[in-house]
Amino acid sequence: MVAGNDSISQTTLVIRDDSKRRNPAPVLYKARYQVPGVISNTADYNEMARQYESRWKAHVEAACWDRYLVNYDSWCTEAEDEGSTAEHIKVLRAIVGELGEQGWLAVYQRELVEHNPAFEPPTNRISTTEAFREMLDRRMTELWGPITQCRETEGFVFTDRDEDYENAHPFGRWPLGILDRCPTSYGSWGNGVRPFSPRDFSNEEIREALLARRWPLRSYEALLRAHGAEQEQLALPPGLADQLATLTRGGDWLGTISDLHQALKRAGHVMALVHELTEIRPDLLALGVVMEKTGRRIGRGRQQEWRISSQPANQPTIES
């Protein structure tokens, strides 16, 4: 890094209420000595660069200490890195956790569900990327208000605040931002924090978060108790594992994956079902449902035949 705006040396980082901190505090470099006005060696240049980077991190911290920043861990020098998939999923989980504290989201059979009394039924599974994105957009707006934007700069970075924090908040209460190249009030570009929409998360990132199912949420049953409702009143449609268990009530089910796709009246591509079958193995095991290859090839396409059967639960016999 090279020095740019000398005004940053006049800015100090104000540590606010840590209970509102949504990002870990950065480890700021402590200056070893005051860099001379005329730099004549590499050591002075390296010290100046470290001090400059530390002040830059302090500005970013001041801009987003109570916001989630999707590329906070990257600390990209030119602020052009959009952040890693791991960073984005971490942020998604944190936001879902905050929405869950409102009694809006829970987990049922390891899947994400939304509770909304205005819907019919009032509790629904969130299992597709677009459903998740729509829910997140709608619920975040309900809780924090819409995204608002401001094309002004305050000091070194384009931030969501200035010296008067309470009265200057161009983001509104929006909790999500990204460190990026932002336009300044005088027509140039600079490093800054701008709003980030939940619709900016990629399908791959949302799909990975949904499939991992590691949500910081209470159970669906606990959500029902909190709302004073009986489970029968807000019954969810059966999940895939439950549907397979139902298929075996009349005896073993035999057929190809394509036959299973039709039997379950599934929408979408057959390969999506194949992927889900892999993900629900622990649930099948808990229900005592075994899905295994018979070794036969059937039909015109000579597809693999599968058998779905019931047996005492917790017997690890599911084959790949």
Protein backbone atom coordinates (compact mmCIF):
# COMPACT_ATOMS: atom_id res chain seq x y z
CA MET A 1 0.00 0.00 0.00
CA VAL A 2 1.02 3.59 -0.53
CA ALA A 3 -0.04 6.65 1.35
CA GLY A 4 -3.01 8.56 -0.05
CA ASN A 5 -5.21 10.79 2.06
CA ASP A 6 -3.36 12.38 4.96
CA SER A 7 -6.65 13.22 6.70
CA ILE A 8 -6.92 9.64 7.91
CA SER A 9 -4.14 10.25 10.38
CA GLN A 10 -6.53 12.55 12.25
CA THR A 11 -9.18 9.83 12.62
CA THR A 12 -9.30 7.51 15.60
CA LEU A 13 -11.31 4.34 15.92
CA VAL A 14 -14.17 4.71 18.41
CA ILE A 15 -14.98 1.40 20.09
CA ARG A 16 -18.73 1.16 20.56
CA ASP A 17 -20.92 -1.31 22.37
CA ASP A 18 -19.35 -4.72 21.66
CA SER A 19 -22.75 -6.42 22.04
CA LYS A 20 -23.65 -4.91 18.65
CA ARG A 21 -20.44 -5.99 16.93
CA ARG A 22 -21.19 -8.30 14.01
CA ASN A 23 -17.58 -8.67 12.84
CA PRO A 24 -14.52 -9.66 14.85
CA ALA A 25 -12.36 -6.74 15.87
CA PRO A 26 -9.38 -6.40 13.53
CA VAL A 27 -5.87 -6.73 14.90
CA LEU A 28 -4.43 -3.30 14.17
CA TYR A 29 -0.73 -2.79 13.64
CA LYS A 30 1.02 -0.76 16.33
CA ALA A 31 3.40 1.79 14.89
CA ARG A 32 7.04 1.10 15.73
CA TYR A 33 8.21 4.65 15.03
CA GLN A 34 7.22 7.83 13.23
CA VAL A 35 8.08 7.62 9.56
CA PRO A 36 10.24 10.57 8.41
CA GLY A 37 8.89 12.99 5.84
CA VAL A 38 11.46 11.89 3.28
CA ILE A 39 11.63 8.11 2.82
CA SER A 40 15.10 6.94 1.91
CA ASN A 41 15.09 3.19 2.62
CA THR A 42 12.94 0.07 2.37
CA ALA A 43 12.41 -0.22 6.13
CA ASP A 44 10.77 3.22 6.31
CA TYR A 45 8.59 2.41 3.31
CA ASN A 46 7.44 -0.91 4.84
CA GLU A 47 6.67 0.80 8.16
CA MET A 48 4.66 3.49 6.38
CA ALA A 49 2.70 0.82 4.45
CA ARG A 50 1.90 -1.11 7.64
CA GLN A 51 0.71 2.03 9.43
CA TYR A 52 -1.39 3.03 6.43
CA GLU A 53 -3.01 -0.41 6.20
CA SER A 54 -3.77 -0.37 9.91
CA ARG A 55 -5.52 3.00 9.63
CA TRP A 56 -7.45 1.73 6.62
CA LYS A 57 -8.64 -1.29 8.61
CA ALA A 58 -9.70 1.03 11.42
CA HIS A 59 -11.87 2.99 8.99
CA VAL A 60 -13.51 -0.16 7.68
CA GLU A 61 -14.11 -1.28 11.27
CA ALA A 62 -15.77 2.05 12.07
CA ALA A 63 -17.99 1.70 9.00
CA CYS A 64 -19.20 -1.85 9.63
CA TRP A 65 -18.64 -2.86 13.24
CA ASP A 66 -22.43 -3.35 13.64
CA ARG A 67 -22.92 -4.62 10.07
CA TYR A 68 -22.12 -7.95 8.48
CA LEU A 69 -19.44 -7.45 5.84
CA VAL A 70 -19.39 -10.24 3.26
CA ASN A 71 -15.68 -9.77 2.50
CA TYR A 72 -14.48 -8.77 5.98
CA ASP A 73 -11.91 -11.58 6.20
CA SER A 74 -10.37 -10.75 2.85
CA TRP A 75 -8.99 -7.30 3.64
CA CYS A 76 -8.30 -6.88 -0.07
CA THR A 77 -5.87 -4.05 -0.71
CA GLU A 78 -7.89 -2.60 -3.58
CA ALA A 79 -11.25 -3.55 -2.05
CA GLU A 80 -12.30 -5.50 -5.14
CA ASP A 81 -12.60 -8.95 -3.58
CA GLU A 82 -16.24 -10.03 -3.19
CA GLY A 83 -15.39 -12.44 -0.39
CA SER A 84 -15.10 -16.22 -0.29
CA THR A 85 -17.95 -18.72 -0.30
CA ALA A 86 -17.06 -19.58 3.30
CA GLU A 87 -17.39 -15.91 4.32
CA HIS A 88 -20.76 -15.59 2.60
CA ILE A 89 -22.16 -18.75 4.16
CA LYS A 90 -20.97 -17.62 7.58
CA VAL A 91 -22.85 -14.35 7.10
CA LEU A 92 -25.96 -16.18 5.86
CA ARG A 93 -25.99 -18.35 8.98
CA ALA A 94 -25.57 -15.33 11.24
CA ILE A 95 -28.46 -13.44 9.60
CA VAL A 96 -30.69 -16.52 9.71
CA GLY A 97 -29.84 -16.81 13.41
CA GLU A 98 -30.98 -13.23 14.02
CA LEU A 99 -34.21 -13.83 12.10
CA GLY A 100 -34.73 -16.97 14.15
CA GLU A 101 -34.56 -14.91 17.33
CA GLN A 102 -37.70 -13.15 16.07
CA GLY A 103 -39.57 -16.48 15.96
CA TRP A 104 -39.64 -16.48 12.17
CA LEU A 105 -37.31 -19.38 11.37
CA ALA A 106 -36.61 -22.80 12.87
CA VAL A 107 -35.32 -26.24 11.87
CA TYR A 108 -37.53 -29.28 11.27
CA GLN A 109 -35.90 -32.65 10.53
CA ARG A 110 -32.66 -30.70 9.92
CA GLU A 111 -34.33 -28.50 7.28
CA LEU A 112 -34.98 -24.76 7.43
CA VAL A 113 -38.62 -23.74 7.92
CA GLU A 114 -40.28 -20.32 8.05
CA HIS A 115 -43.19 -19.41 10.28
CA ASN A 116 -45.49 -16.67 9.02
CA PRO A 117 -49.08 -16.50 10.35
CA ALA A 118 -50.08 -14.54 7.21
CA PHE A 119 -49.32 -17.57 5.01
CA GLU A 120 -51.34 -20.71 4.38
CA PRO A 121 -50.03 -22.95 5.75
CA PRO A 122 -48.30 -20.67 8.24
CA THR A 123 -45.16 -22.81 8.40
CA ASN A 124 -43.31 -23.76 5.22
CA ARG A 125 -40.07 -25.47 4.31
CA ILE A 126 -37.38 -23.37 2.67
CA SER A 127 -35.70 -25.88 0.39
CA THR A 128 -34.90 -24.03 -2.87
CA THR A 129 -32.45 -21.23 -3.53
CA GLU A 130 -35.09 -18.84 -4.85
CA ALA A 131 -37.42 -19.51 -1.91
CA PHE A 132 -34.54 -18.83 0.47
CA ARG A 133 -33.55 -15.64 -1.35
CA GLU A 134 -37.15 -14.34 -1.39
CA MET A 135 -37.61 -15.15 2.29
CA LEU A 136 -34.35 -13.47 3.26
CA ASP A 137 -35.11 -10.34 1.22
CA ARG A 138 -38.62 -10.03 2.67
CA ARG A 139 -37.76 -10.84 6.28
CA MET A 140 -34.64 -8.65 6.39
CA THR A 141 -36.66 -5.71 5.07
CA GLU A 142 -39.33 -6.32 7.71
CA LEU A 143 -36.76 -6.38 10.52
CA TRP A 144 -34.25 -3.75 9.41
CA GLY A 145 -36.08 -1.67 6.80
CA PRO A 146 -35.19 -1.24 3.13
CA ILE A 147 -31.72 -0.53 1.80
CA THR A 148 -31.06 3.18 1.32
CA GLN A 149 -28.05 4.60 -0.45
CA CYS A 150 -26.04 7.80 -0.24
CA ARG A 151 -23.46 9.09 -2.75
CA GLU A 152 -21.31 11.03 -0.32
CA THR A 153 -18.01 10.31 1.34
CA GLU A 154 -16.93 11.04 4.86
CA GLY A 155 -13.16 11.09 5.16
CA PHE A 156 -11.15 8.27 3.66
CA VAL A 157 -13.84 5.68 2.91
CA PHE A 158 -17.38 5.73 1.62
CA THR A 159 -19.16 4.77 4.81
CA ASP A 160 -22.63 4.54 6.26
CA ARG A 161 -21.98 7.16 8.90
CA ASP A 162 -20.03 10.28 9.77
CA GLU A 163 -19.12 11.99 13.03
CA ASP A 164 -22.81 12.22 14.00
CA TYR A 165 -23.59 8.49 14.05
CA GLU A 166 -27.21 8.76 15.17
CA ASN A 167 -28.25 11.23 12.45
CA ALA A 168 -26.11 10.08 9.53
CA HIS A 169 -26.94 6.54 8.45
CA PRO A 170 -27.32 6.30 4.66
CA PHE A 171 -27.84 2.52 4.94
CA GLY A 172 -30.80 3.01 7.21
CA ARG A 173 -30.63 0.08 9.65
CA TRP A 174 -29.58 -2.36 6.92
CA PRO A 175 -27.12 -4.86 8.47
CA LEU A 176 -25.31 -6.11 5.38
CA GLY A 177 -22.53 -4.47 3.37
CA ILE A 178 -19.53 -5.12 1.15
CA LEU A 179 -16.15 -3.42 0.97
CA ASP A 180 -15.93 -2.16 -2.59
CA ARG A 181 -14.93 0.61 -4.97
CA CYS A 182 -17.41 3.43 -4.41
CA PRO A 183 -17.95 6.79 -6.14
CA THR A 184 -16.98 9.88 -4.17
CA SER A 185 -18.86 13.17 -3.96
CA TYR A 186 -16.25 14.82 -6.16
CA GLY A 187 -16.49 12.37 -9.08
CA SER A 188 -13.63 9.97 -8.39
CA TRP A 189 -13.60 6.48 -6.90
CA GLY A 190 -12.43 5.29 -3.53
CA ASN A 191 -12.49 2.32 -1.19
CA GLY A 192 -15.72 2.14 0.75
CA VAL A 193 -18.55 0.13 2.27
CA ARG A 194 -21.75 -0.10 0.25
CA PRO A 195 -25.00 -2.01 0.89
CA PHE A 196 -25.22 -5.68 -0.10
CA SER A 197 -28.55 -7.25 -1.04
CA PRO A 198 -29.48 -10.83 -0.08
CA ARG A 199 -30.20 -11.31 -3.79
CA ASP A 200 -26.48 -10.77 -4.43
CA PHE A 201 -25.61 -14.15 -2.85
CA SER A 202 -25.01 -16.72 -5.58
CA ASN A 203 -27.19 -19.78 -6.12
CA GLU A 204 -24.21 -22.02 -5.35
CA GLU A 205 -23.62 -20.37 -1.97
CA ILE A 206 -27.27 -20.54 -0.96
CA ARG A 207 -27.54 -24.15 -2.13
CA GLU A 208 -24.46 -25.12 -0.11
CA ALA A 209 -25.85 -23.43 3.00
CA LEU A 210 -29.21 -25.21 2.59
CA LEU A 211 -27.61 -28.61 2.06
CA ALA A 212 -25.20 -28.21 4.99
CA ARG A 213 -28.18 -27.52 7.30
CA ARG A 214 -26.03 -26.09 10.06
CA TRP A 215 -28.39 -23.32 11.13
CA PRO A 216 -28.05 -21.60 14.54
CA LEU A 217 -31.77 -22.06 15.21
CA ARG A 218 -34.10 -23.72 17.68
CA SER A 219 -36.25 -26.67 16.67
CA TYR A 220 -39.62 -26.41 14.95
CA GLU A 221 -41.28 -27.93 18.01
CA ALA A 222 -39.78 -25.20 20.22
CA LEU A 223 -41.06 -22.57 17.78
CA LEU A 224 -44.57 -24.03 18.04
CA ARG A 225 -44.44 -23.97 21.82
CA ALA A 226 -43.31 -20.34 21.72
CA HIS A 227 -46.33 -19.50 19.55
CA GLY A 228 -48.69 -21.51 21.76
CA ALA A 229 -49.74 -23.72 18.85
CA GLU A 230 -50.27 -27.44 18.53
CA GLN A 231 -48.13 -29.30 16.01
CA GLU A 232 -51.27 -30.63 14.28
CA GLN A 233 -52.41 -27.07 13.61
CA LEU A 234 -49.21 -26.17 11.78
CA ALA A 235 -48.32 -29.55 10.31
CA LEU A 236 -45.66 -29.45 7.64
CA PRO A 237 -45.87 -31.55 4.48
CA PRO A 238 -43.76 -34.72 4.82
CA GLY A 239 -40.11 -34.50 3.93
CA LEU A 240 -38.39 -36.79 1.46
CA ALA A 241 -37.32 -39.30 4.13
CA ASP A 242 -40.90 -39.53 5.40
CA GLN A 243 -42.17 -40.03 1.85
CA LEU A 244 -39.78 -42.93 1.31
CA ALA A 245 -40.89 -44.46 4.60
CA THR A 246 -44.51 -44.24 3.40
CA LEU A 247 -43.60 -46.07 0.20
CA THR A 248 -42.49 -49.10 2.21
CA ARG A 249 -45.68 -49.48 4.26
CA GLY A 250 -47.11 -51.97 1.74
CA GLY A 251 -43.84 -53.85 1.40
CA ASP A 252 -40.60 -53.29 -0.46
CA TRP A 253 -40.60 -50.76 -3.28
CA LEU A 254 -38.65 -51.66 -6.44
CA GLY A 255 -37.76 -49.42 -9.37
CA THR A 256 -35.28 -47.01 -10.91
CA ILE A 257 -34.55 -43.50 -9.71
CA SER A 258 -36.68 -42.23 -12.59
CA ASP A 259 -39.56 -44.43 -11.36
CA LEU A 260 -39.08 -43.02 -7.87
CA HIS A 261 -39.11 -39.47 -9.25
CA GLN A 262 -42.50 -40.18 -10.83
CA ALA A 263 -43.88 -42.04 -7.80
CA LEU A 264 -43.11 -39.07 -5.56
CA LYS A 265 -44.58 -36.65 -8.14
CA ARG A 266 -41.44 -34.58 -7.94
CA ALA A 267 -40.86 -31.42 -9.94
CA GLY A 268 -37.47 -30.57 -11.42
CA HIS A 269 -34.71 -32.79 -12.77
CA VAL A 270 -34.09 -36.35 -11.65
CA MET A 271 -30.52 -35.46 -10.66
CA ALA A 272 -31.86 -33.11 -7.97
CA LEU A 273 -33.57 -36.13 -6.39
CA VAL A 274 -30.32 -38.12 -6.59
CA HIS A 275 -28.53 -35.34 -4.71
CA GLU A 276 -31.25 -35.15 -2.02
CA LEU A 277 -31.18 -38.91 -1.51
CA THR A 278 -27.50 -38.62 -0.68
CA GLU A 279 -28.15 -35.81 1.78
CA ILE A 280 -30.94 -37.57 3.74
CA ARG A 281 -29.06 -40.77 4.54
CA PRO A 282 -28.93 -39.98 8.29
CA ASP A 283 -32.69 -39.32 8.27
CA LEU A 284 -33.40 -42.61 6.45
CA LEU A 285 -31.26 -44.45 8.97
CA ALA A 286 -33.19 -42.91 11.85
CA LEU A 287 -36.50 -43.96 10.27
CA GLY A 288 -35.30 -47.51 9.61
CA VAL A 289 -35.54 -47.08 5.84
CA VAL A 290 -32.97 -48.87 3.67
CA MET A 291 -32.32 -47.92 0.05
CA GLU A 292 -30.04 -50.32 -1.76
CA LYS A 293 -29.19 -51.52 -5.25
CA THR A 294 -30.60 -54.88 -6.32
CA GLY A 295 -27.86 -55.47 -8.90
CA ARG A 296 -30.36 -55.65 -11.77
CA ARG A 297 -30.56 -53.38 -14.82
CA ILE A 298 -34.08 -52.80 -16.08
CA GLY A 299 -35.97 -50.91 -18.78
CA ARG A 300 -34.86 -49.71 -22.18
CA GLY A 301 -32.09 -47.61 -20.70
CA ARG A 302 -30.85 -50.54 -18.58
CA GLN A 303 -31.03 -48.35 -15.49
CA GLN A 304 -30.01 -49.53 -12.06
CA GLU A 305 -32.85 -51.03 -10.02
CA TRP A 306 -33.21 -50.00 -6.38
CA ARG A 307 -35.05 -51.52 -3.43
CA ILE A 308 -36.51 -49.39 -0.63
CA SER A 309 -37.47 -51.36 2.46
CA SER A 310 -38.14 -50.95 6.16
CA GLN A 311 -36.19 -52.55 8.94
CA PRO A 312 -35.46 -51.82 12.62
CA ALA A 313 -34.05 -48.32 12.93
CA ASN A 314 -30.39 -47.44 13.41
CA GLN A 315 -29.00 -50.36 11.36
CA PRO A 316 -26.26 -48.94 9.14
CA THR A 317 -26.98 -50.86 5.90
CA ILE A 318 -27.59 -48.03 3.44
CA GLU A 319 -25.37 -48.52 0.41
CA SER A 320 -23.95 -45.86 -1.85
